[in-house]
C-alpha atoms as a PDB file:
ATOM      1  CA  UNK A   1     -36.236  13.506  10.172  1.00  0.00           C
ATOM      2  CA  UNK A   2     -34.584  13.222   6.628  1.00  0.00           C
ATOM      3  CA  UNK A   3     -31.197  14.301   8.205  1.00  0.00           C
ATOM      4  CA  UNK A   4     -31.357  11.444  10.519  1.00  0.00           C
ATOM      5  CA  UNK A   5     -32.176   8.799   8.028  1.00  0.00           C
ATOM      6  CA  UNK A   6     -29.172  10.141   5.954  1.00  0.00           C
ATOM      7  CA  UNK A   7     -26.909   9.820   8.929  1.00  0.00           C
ATOM      8  CA  UNK A   8     -28.268   6.415   9.719  1.00  0.00           C
ATOM      9  CA  UNK A   9     -27.509   5.228   6.194  1.00  0.00           C
ATOM     10  CA  UNK A  10     -24.188   6.493   6.342  1.00  0.00           C
ATOM     11  CA  UNK A  11     -23.315   4.778   9.720  1.00  0.00           C
ATOM     12  CA  UNK A  12     -24.546   1.439   8.397  1.00  0.00           C
ATOM     13  CA  UNK A  13     -22.396   1.634   5.218  1.00  0.00           C
ATOM     14  CA  UNK A  14     -19.562   2.568   7.360  1.00  0.00           C
ATOM     15  CA  UNK A  15     -20.037  -0.436   9.557  1.00  0.00           C
ATOM     16  CA  UNK A  16     -20.325  -2.584   6.500  1.00  0.00           C
ATOM     17  CA  UNK A  17     -17.316  -1.246   5.027  1.00  0.00           C
ATOM     18  CA  UNK A  18     -15.203  -1.943   8.312  1.00  0.00           C
ATOM     19  CA  UNK A  19     -16.789  -5.376   8.806  1.00  0.00           C
ATOM     20  CA  UNK A  20     -15.633  -6.270   5.124  1.00  0.00           C
ATOM     21  CA  UNK A  21     -12.182  -5.034   5.769  1.00  0.00           C
ATOM     22  CA  UNK A  22     -11.883  -7.030   9.047  1.00  0.00           C
ATOM     23  CA  UNK A  23     -13.400 -10.045   7.479  1.00  0.00           C
ATOM     24  CA  UNK A  24     -10.878  -9.802   4.453  1.00  0.00           C
ATOM     25  CA  UNK A  25      -7.978  -9.572   6.744  1.00  0.00           C
ATOM     26  CA  UNK A  26      -9.050 -12.528   8.760  1.00  0.00           C
ATOM     27  CA  UNK A  27      -9.602 -14.408   5.699  1.00  0.00           C
ATOM     28  CA  UNK A  28      -6.173 -13.685   4.428  1.00  0.00           C
ATOM     29  CA  UNK A  29      -4.595 -14.405   7.592  1.00  0.00           C
ATOM     30  CA  UNK A  30      -6.240 -17.746   8.193  1.00  0.00           C
ATOM     31  CA  UNK A  31      -5.368 -18.870   4.557  1.00  0.00           C
ATOM     32  CA  UNK A  32      -2.033 -17.247   4.205  1.00  0.00           C
ATOM     33  CA  UNK A  33      -0.130 -20.485   3.832  1.00  0.00           C
ATOM     34  CA  UNK A  34      -2.511 -21.567   1.031  1.00  0.00           C
ATOM     35  CA  UNK A  35      -2.221 -18.341  -0.670  1.00  0.00           C
ATOM     36  CA  UNK A  36       1.674 -18.394  -0.481  1.00  0.00           C
ATOM     37  CA  UNK A  37       1.842 -21.758  -1.891  1.00  0.00           C
ATOM     38  CA  UNK A  38      -0.592 -20.962  -4.735  1.00  0.00           C
ATOM     39  CA  UNK A  39       1.465 -17.913  -5.389  1.00  0.00           C
ATOM     40  CA  UNK A  40       4.654 -19.908  -5.459  1.00  0.00           C
ATOM     41  CA  UNK A  41       3.256 -22.379  -7.707  1.00  0.00           C
ATOM     42  CA  UNK A  42       1.925 -20.076 -10.199  1.00  0.00           C
ATOM     43  CA  UNK A  43       5.237 -18.031 -10.057  1.00  0.00           C
ATOM     44  CA  UNK A  44       7.222 -21.235 -10.892  1.00  0.00           C
ATOM     45  CA  UNK A  45       4.894 -22.227 -13.665  1.00  0.00           C
ATOM     46  CA  UNK A  46       5.361 -18.636 -15.178  1.00  0.00           C
ATOM     47  CA  UNK A  47       9.097 -18.635 -14.804  1.00  0.00           C
ATOM     48  CA  UNK A  48       9.910 -22.290 -15.812  1.00  0.00           C
ATOM     49  CA  UNK A  49       7.149 -23.459 -17.975  1.00  0.00           C
ATOM     50  CA  UNK A  50       8.684 -26.764 -18.915  1.00  0.00           C
ATOM     51  CA  UNK A  51       9.246 -27.637 -15.265  1.00  0.00           C
ATOM     52  CA  UNK A  52       5.504 -28.466 -14.343  1.00  0.00           C
ATOM     53  CA  UNK A  53       6.303 -32.155 -13.556  1.00  0.00           C
ATOM     54  CA  UNK A  54       9.315 -31.142 -11.187  1.00  0.00           C
ATOM     55  CA  UNK A  55       8.841 -32.072  -7.703  1.00  0.00           C
ATOM     56  CA  UNK A  56       8.443 -29.409  -4.850  1.00  0.00           C
ATOM     57  CA  UNK A  57      11.391 -30.875  -3.232  1.00  0.00           C
ATOM     58  CA  UNK A  58      13.865 -29.165  -5.344  1.00  0.00           C
ATOM     59  CA  UNK A  59      12.642 -25.825  -3.616  1.00  0.00           C
ATOM     60  CA  UNK A  60      14.115 -25.366  -0.265  1.00  0.00           C
ATOM     61  CA  UNK A  61      11.481 -24.543   2.274  1.00  0.00           C
ATOM     62  CA  UNK A  62      13.894 -22.684   4.733  1.00  0.00           C
ATOM     63  CA  UNK A  63      16.289 -20.609   2.887  1.00  0.00           C
ATOM     64  CA  UNK A  64      18.595 -18.990   5.407  1.00  0.00           C
ATOM     65  CA  UNK A  65      18.991 -15.260   4.938  1.00  0.00           C
ATOM     66  CA  UNK A  66      22.540 -14.125   5.558  1.00  0.00           C
ATOM     67  CA  UNK A  67      22.463 -10.797   7.595  1.00  0.00           C
ATOM     68  CA  UNK A  68      25.699  -8.661   7.163  1.00  0.00           C
ATOM     69  CA  UNK A  69      27.889  -8.756  10.288  1.00  0.00           C
ATOM     70  CA  UNK A  70      29.306  -5.360   9.927  1.00  0.00           C
ATOM     71  CA  UNK A  71      27.620  -2.257   8.930  1.00  0.00           C
ATOM     72  CA  UNK A  72      27.941  -0.719   5.433  1.00  0.00           C
ATOM     73  CA  UNK A  73      28.872   2.964   4.928  1.00  0.00           C
ATOM     74  CA  UNK A  74      26.074   4.980   3.324  1.00  0.00           C
ATOM     75  CA  UNK A  75      26.562   5.598  -0.652  1.00  0.00           C
ATOM     76  CA  UNK A  76      27.649   9.175  -0.998  1.00  0.00           C
ATOM     77  CA  UNK A  77      25.450  11.486  -3.168  1.00  0.00           C
ATOM     78  CA  UNK A  78      26.518  13.313  -5.992  1.00  0.00           C
ATOM     79  CA  UNK A  79      23.901  15.708  -6.205  1.00  0.00           C
ATOM     80  CA  UNK A  80      23.751  19.027  -4.443  1.00  0.00           C
ATOM     81  CA  UNK A  81      26.899  20.775  -3.053  1.00  0.00           C
ATOM     82  CA  UNK A  82      27.188  20.272   1.023  1.00  0.00           C
ATOM     83  CA  UNK A  83      29.403  23.389   1.793  1.00  0.00           C
ATOM     84  CA  UNK A  84      28.050  26.973   1.986  1.00  0.00           C
ATOM     85  CA  UNK A  85      27.367  28.943  -0.947  1.00  0.00           C
ATOM     86  CA  UNK A  86      28.707  32.393  -1.004  1.00  0.00           C
END
């Protein structure tokens, strides 16, 4: 009887933790644009404290990301030797 009640408490607490994780994820997903704008605003206020009155038009909304057209070579390591050790 007491073992069953312990298992029930663990099951209920596990459900509550899972529901909390799913609920948090849904909240963040639904409010991601607001959260991102809030983060950018706070970042700009911290980086440029004198520019609180500047317009948001100065920050481009869609910055194109230039991807490399040719692959680059890996950086050689200067660590361990690569040849056989005799």
